[in-house]
PDB file of N, CA and C in Angstrom:
ATOM      1  N   MET A   1      18.832 -33.131 -24.076  1.00  0.00           N
ATOM      2  CA  MET A   1      19.373 -32.396 -22.856  1.00  0.00           C
ATOM      3  C   MET A   1      18.276 -31.931 -21.926  1.00  0.00           C
ATOM      4  N   ASP A   2      18.589 -31.918 -20.594  1.00  0.00           N
ATOM      5  CA  ASP A   2      17.485 -31.900 -19.564  1.00  0.00           C
ATOM      6  C   ASP A   2      17.740 -30.362 -19.084  1.00  0.00           C
ATOM      7  N   THR A   3      16.825 -29.883 -18.131  1.00  0.00           N
ATOM      8  CA  THR A   3      16.743 -28.405 -17.746  1.00  0.00           C
ATOM      9  C   THR A   3      18.086 -28.056 -17.299  1.00  0.00           C
ATOM     10  N   GLU A   4      18.421 -28.862 -16.398  1.00  0.00           N
ATOM     11  CA  GLU A   4      20.004 -28.545 -15.678  1.00  0.00           C
ATOM     12  C   GLU A   4      20.904 -28.265 -16.516  1.00  0.00           C
ATOM     13  N   ASP A   5      21.297 -28.947 -17.457  1.00  0.00           N
ATOM     14  CA  ASP A   5      22.391 -28.785 -18.848  1.00  0.00           C
ATOM     15  C   ASP A   5      21.924 -27.435 -19.483  1.00  0.00           C
ATOM     16  N   VAL A   6      20.662 -27.092 -19.776  1.00  0.00           N
ATOM     17  CA  VAL A   6      20.430 -25.941 -20.293  1.00  0.00           C
ATOM     18  C   VAL A   6      20.820 -24.723 -19.439  1.00  0.00           C
ATOM     19  N   LEU A   7      20.348 -25.011 -18.247  1.00  0.00           N
ATOM     20  CA  LEU A   7      20.712 -23.987 -17.296  1.00  0.00           C
ATOM     21  C   LEU A   7      22.254 -23.689 -17.275  1.00  0.00           C
ATOM     22  N   LYS A   8      23.213 -24.690 -17.151  1.00  0.00           N
ATOM     23  CA  LYS A   8      24.448 -24.427 -16.903  1.00  0.00           C
ATOM     24  C   LYS A   8      24.846 -23.733 -18.266  1.00  0.00           C
ATOM     25  N   ILE A   9      24.461 -24.000 -19.500  1.00  0.00           N
ATOM     26  CA  ILE A   9      24.839 -23.329 -20.715  1.00  0.00           C
ATOM     27  C   ILE A   9      24.383 -22.035 -20.656  1.00  0.00           C
ATOM     28  N   ILE A  10      23.061 -21.759 -20.197  1.00  0.00           N
ATOM     29  CA  ILE A  10      22.619 -20.083 -20.329  1.00  0.00           C
ATOM     30  C   ILE A  10      23.559 -19.374 -19.050  1.00  0.00           C
ATOM     31  N   ASN A  11      23.802 -20.038 -17.957  1.00  0.00           N
ATOM     32  CA  ASN A  11      24.575 -19.286 -17.003  1.00  0.00           C
ATOM     33  C   ASN A  11      26.052 -18.909 -17.463  1.00  0.00           C
ATOM     34  N   ASN A  12      26.481 -19.974 -18.202  1.00  0.00           N
ATOM     35  CA  ASN A  12      27.820 -19.694 -18.877  1.00  0.00           C
ATOM     36  C   ASN A  12      27.890 -18.332 -19.686  1.00  0.00           C
ATOM     37  N   ASP A  13      26.673 -18.692 -20.561  1.00  0.00           N
ATOM     38  CA  ASP A  13      26.666 -17.441 -21.670  1.00  0.00           C
ATOM     39  C   ASP A  13      26.449 -16.209 -20.853  1.00  0.00           C
ATOM     40  N   ILE A  14      25.778 -16.141 -19.625  1.00  0.00           N
ATOM     41  CA  ILE A  14      25.613 -15.120 -19.071  1.00  0.00           C
ATOM     42  C   ILE A  14      26.907 -14.405 -18.509  1.00  0.00           C
ATOM     43  N   LYS A  15      27.672 -15.239 -18.033  1.00  0.00           N
ATOM     44  CA  LYS A  15      29.166 -15.036 -17.624  1.00  0.00           C
ATOM     45  C   LYS A  15      29.814 -14.407 -18.741  1.00  0.00           C
ATOM     46  N   MET A  16      29.703 -15.036 -19.807  1.00  0.00           N
ATOM     47  CA  MET A  16      30.461 -14.364 -21.006  1.00  0.00           C
ATOM     48  C   MET A  16      29.936 -12.963 -21.112  1.00  0.00           C
ATOM     49  N   LEU A  17      28.905 -12.704 -21.362  1.00  0.00           N
ATOM     50  CA  LEU A  17      28.486 -11.564 -21.862  1.00  0.00           C
ATOM     51  C   LEU A  17      28.511 -10.642 -20.829  1.00  0.00           C
ATOM     52  N   LYS A  18      28.353 -10.806 -19.373  1.00  0.00           N
ATOM     53  CA  LYS A  18      28.683  -9.893 -18.705  1.00  0.00           C
ATOM     54  C   LYS A  18      30.189  -9.560 -18.768  1.00  0.00           C
ATOM     55  N   SER A  19      30.915 -10.434 -18.783  1.00  0.00           N
ATOM     56  CA  SER A  19      32.692 -10.069 -19.143  1.00  0.00           C
ATOM     57  C   SER A  19      32.693  -9.360 -20.284  1.00  0.00           C
ATOM     58  N   LEU A  20      31.992  -9.511 -21.417  1.00  0.00           N
ATOM     59  CA  LEU A  20      32.177  -8.719 -22.547  1.00  0.00           C
ATOM     60  C   LEU A  20      31.565  -7.496 -22.457  1.00  0.00           C
ATOM     61  N   MET A  21      30.362  -7.121 -21.567  1.00  0.00           N
ATOM     62  CA  MET A  21      30.012  -5.831 -21.448  1.00  0.00           C
ATOM     63  C   MET A  21      31.029  -5.081 -20.514  1.00  0.00           C
ATOM     64  N   TYR A  22      31.414  -5.558 -19.654  1.00  0.00           N
ATOM     65  CA  TYR A  22      32.694  -4.944 -18.867  1.00  0.00           C
ATOM     66  C   TYR A  22      33.794  -4.512 -19.638  1.00  0.00           C
ATOM     67  N   GLN A  23      34.147  -5.519 -20.776  1.00  0.00           N
ATOM     68  CA  GLN A  23      35.469  -5.166 -21.470  1.00  0.00           C
ATOM     69  C   GLN A  23      35.113  -3.899 -22.629  1.00  0.00           C
ATOM     70  N   VAL A  24      33.904  -3.823 -22.801  1.00  0.00           N
ATOM     71  CA  VAL A  24      33.514  -2.890 -23.714  1.00  0.00           C
ATOM     72  C   VAL A  24      33.559  -1.512 -23.157  1.00  0.00           C
ATOM     73  N   LYS A  25      32.968  -1.342 -21.906  1.00  0.00           N
ATOM     74  CA  LYS A  25      32.653  -0.319 -21.194  1.00  0.00           C
ATOM     75  C   LYS A  25      34.167   0.236 -20.564  1.00  0.00           C
ATOM     76  N   ALA A  26      35.005  -0.733 -20.346  1.00  0.00           N
ATOM     77  CA  ALA A  26      36.623  -0.406 -19.920  1.00  0.00           C
ATOM     78  C   ALA A  26      37.341   0.026 -21.219  1.00  0.00           C
ATOM     79  N   ASN A  27      36.986  -0.043 -22.388  1.00  0.00           N
ATOM     80  CA  ASN A  27      37.275   0.628 -23.525  1.00  0.00           C
ATOM     81  C   ASN A  27      36.918   1.940 -23.493  1.00  0.00           C
ATOM     82  N   GLY A  28      36.372   2.503 -22.687  1.00  0.00           N
ATOM     83  CA  GLY A  28      35.937   3.979 -22.938  1.00  0.00           C
ATOM     84  C   GLY A  28      34.493   4.288 -23.518  1.00  0.00           C
ATOM     85  N   SER A  29      33.769   2.982 -23.835  1.00  0.00           N
ATOM     86  CA  SER A  29      32.317   3.368 -24.386  1.00  0.00           C
ATOM     87  C   SER A  29      31.534   3.890 -23.198  1.00  0.00           C
ATOM     88  N   ASP A  30      30.591   4.541 -23.648  1.00  0.00           N
ATOM     89  CA  ASP A  30      29.548   5.053 -22.548  1.00  0.00           C
ATOM     90  C   ASP A  30      28.161   4.096 -23.101  1.00  0.00           C
ATOM     91  N   PHE A  31      27.073   4.334 -22.112  1.00  0.00           N
ATOM     92  CA  PHE A  31      26.066   3.674 -22.230  1.00  0.00           C
ATOM     93  C   PHE A  31      25.271   3.649 -23.661  1.00  0.00           C
ATOM     94  N   THR A  32      25.531   4.657 -24.520  1.00  0.00           N
ATOM     95  CA  THR A  32      25.016   4.858 -25.683  1.00  0.00           C
ATOM     96  C   THR A  32      25.457   4.138 -26.844  1.00  0.00           C
ATOM     97  N   ASP A  33      26.888   3.437 -26.423  1.00  0.00           N
ATOM     98  CA  ASP A  33      27.463   2.668 -27.394  1.00  0.00           C
ATOM     99  C   ASP A  33      26.775   1.614 -28.029  1.00  0.00           C
ATOM    100  N   PRO A  34      26.577   1.466 -29.286  1.00  0.00           N
ATOM    101  CA  PRO A  34      25.685   0.369 -29.982  1.00  0.00           C
ATOM    102  C   PRO A  34      26.459  -0.885 -29.566  1.00  0.00           C
ATOM    103  N   SER A  35      27.655  -1.414 -29.449  1.00  0.00           N
ATOM    104  CA  SER A  35      28.094  -2.576 -29.008  1.00  0.00           C
ATOM    105  C   SER A  35      27.704  -2.758 -27.516  1.00  0.00           C
ATOM    106  N   LEU A  36      27.778  -1.725 -26.940  1.00  0.00           N
ATOM    107  CA  LEU A  36      27.360  -2.030 -25.426  1.00  0.00           C
ATOM    108  C   LEU A  36      25.622  -2.441 -25.335  1.00  0.00           C
ATOM    109  N   ILE A  37      25.000  -1.595 -26.067  1.00  0.00           N
ATOM    110  CA  ILE A  37      23.653  -1.724 -25.938  1.00  0.00           C
ATOM    111  C   ILE A  37      23.176  -3.149 -26.751  1.00  0.00           C
ATOM    112  N   GLN A  38      24.074  -3.646 -27.544  1.00  0.00           N
ATOM    113  CA  GLN A  38      23.766  -5.121 -28.310  1.00  0.00           C
ATOM    114  C   GLN A  38      24.267  -6.265 -27.087  1.00  0.00           C
ATOM    115  N   VAL A  39      25.249  -5.785 -26.468  1.00  0.00           N
ATOM    116  CA  VAL A  39      25.397  -6.895 -25.592  1.00  0.00           C
ATOM    117  C   VAL A  39      24.245  -6.799 -24.305  1.00  0.00           C
ATOM    118  N   SER A  40      24.204  -5.956 -23.973  1.00  0.00           N
ATOM    119  CA  SER A  40      22.924  -5.730 -22.800  1.00  0.00           C
ATOM    120  C   SER A  40      21.723  -6.334 -23.244  1.00  0.00           C
ATOM    121  N   GLN A  41      21.181  -6.389 -24.661  1.00  0.00           N
ATOM    122  CA  GLN A  41      20.251  -6.710 -25.096  1.00  0.00           C
ATOM    123  C   GLN A  41      20.233  -8.388 -24.908  1.00  0.00           C
ATOM    124  N   LEU A  42      21.335  -8.803 -25.656  1.00  0.00           N
ATOM    125  CA  LEU A  42      21.778 -10.358 -25.481  1.00  0.00           C
ATOM    126  C   LEU A  42      21.529 -10.721 -24.005  1.00  0.00           C
ATOM    127  N   LEU A  43      22.127 -10.040 -22.887  1.00  0.00           N
ATOM    128  CA  LEU A  43      22.099 -10.424 -21.729  1.00  0.00           C
ATOM    129  C   LEU A  43      20.587 -10.412 -21.110  1.00  0.00           C
ATOM    130  N   ASP A  44      20.071  -9.509 -21.554  1.00  0.00           N
ATOM    131  CA  ASP A  44      18.487  -9.660 -21.067  1.00  0.00           C
ATOM    132  C   ASP A  44      17.666 -10.678 -21.717  1.00  0.00           C
ATOM    133  N   VAL A  45      17.950 -11.175 -22.965  1.00  0.00           N
ATOM    134  CA  VAL A  45      17.479 -12.300 -23.419  1.00  0.00           C
ATOM    135  C   VAL A  45      17.917 -13.721 -22.607  1.00  0.00           C
ATOM    136  N   LYS A  46      19.210 -13.726 -22.404  1.00  0.00           N
ATOM    137  CA  LYS A  46      19.836 -14.873 -21.553  1.00  0.00           C
ATOM    138  C   LYS A  46      19.121 -14.871 -20.195  1.00  0.00           C
ATOM    139  N   LEU A  47      18.984 -13.731 -19.492  1.00  0.00           N
ATOM    140  CA  LEU A  47      18.488 -13.837 -18.085  1.00  0.00           C
ATOM    141  C   LEU A  47      16.882 -14.213 -18.128  1.00  0.00           C
ATOM    142  N   ASN A  48      16.187 -13.698 -19.104  1.00  0.00           N
ATOM    143  CA  ASN A  48      14.796 -14.100 -19.662  1.00  0.00           C
ATOM    144  C   ASN A  48      14.777 -15.651 -19.468  1.00  0.00           C
ATOM    145  N   GLN A  49      15.801 -16.094 -20.248  1.00  0.00           N
ATOM    146  CA  GLN A  49      15.688 -17.463 -20.718  1.00  0.00           C
ATOM    147  C   GLN A  49      15.705 -18.485 -19.467  1.00  0.00           C
ATOM    148  N   ARG A  50      16.807 -17.822 -18.775  1.00  0.00           N
ATOM    149  CA  ARG A  50      17.107 -18.487 -17.281  1.00  0.00           C
ATOM    150  C   ARG A  50      16.149 -18.476 -16.337  1.00  0.00           C
ATOM    151  N   ASN A  51      15.186 -17.365 -16.209  1.00  0.00           N
ATOM    152  CA  ASN A  51      13.941 -17.052 -15.531  1.00  0.00           C
ATOM    153  C   ASN A  51      12.920 -17.973 -16.014  1.00  0.00           C
ATOM    154  N   GLN A  52      12.742 -17.977 -17.181  1.00  0.00           N
ATOM    155  CA  GLN A  52      11.577 -18.989 -17.495  1.00  0.00           C
ATOM    156  C   GLN A  52      12.126 -20.481 -17.336  1.00  0.00           C
ATOM    157  N   LEU A  53      13.089 -20.803 -17.399  1.00  0.00           N
ATOM    158  CA  LEU A  53      13.473 -22.220 -17.245  1.00  0.00           C
ATOM    159  C   LEU A  53      13.412 -22.528 -15.516  1.00  0.00           C
ATOM    160  N   LEU A  54      13.686 -21.369 -14.738  1.00  0.00           N
ATOM    161  CA  LEU A  54      13.709 -21.803 -13.297  1.00  0.00           C
ATOM    162  C   LEU A  54      12.148 -21.519 -12.907  1.00  0.00           C
ATOM    163  N   SER A  55      11.378 -21.085 -13.832  1.00  0.00           N
ATOM    164  CA  SER A  55       9.841 -21.031 -13.092  1.00  0.00           C
ATOM    165  C   SER A  55       9.161 -22.285 -13.607  1.00  0.00           C
ATOM    166  N   ILE A  56       9.865 -22.990 -14.014  1.00  0.00           N
ATOM    167  CA  ILE A  56       9.005 -24.575 -14.651  1.00  0.00           C
ATOM    168  C   ILE A  56       8.868 -25.416 -13.539  1.00  0.00           C
TER     169      ILE A  56
END
């Protein structure tokens, strides 16, 4: 798998996680909700992965 394919997968993951984060927030959760914190942490991991690939 080349870098472009991996970037596409990571970008799709980022879109999905952002959507999930908005859904959790829309269900009345606040920023201290454990579900929202987990999604936010996963989003950070994916964003860092993307940044690392883009810096190669």
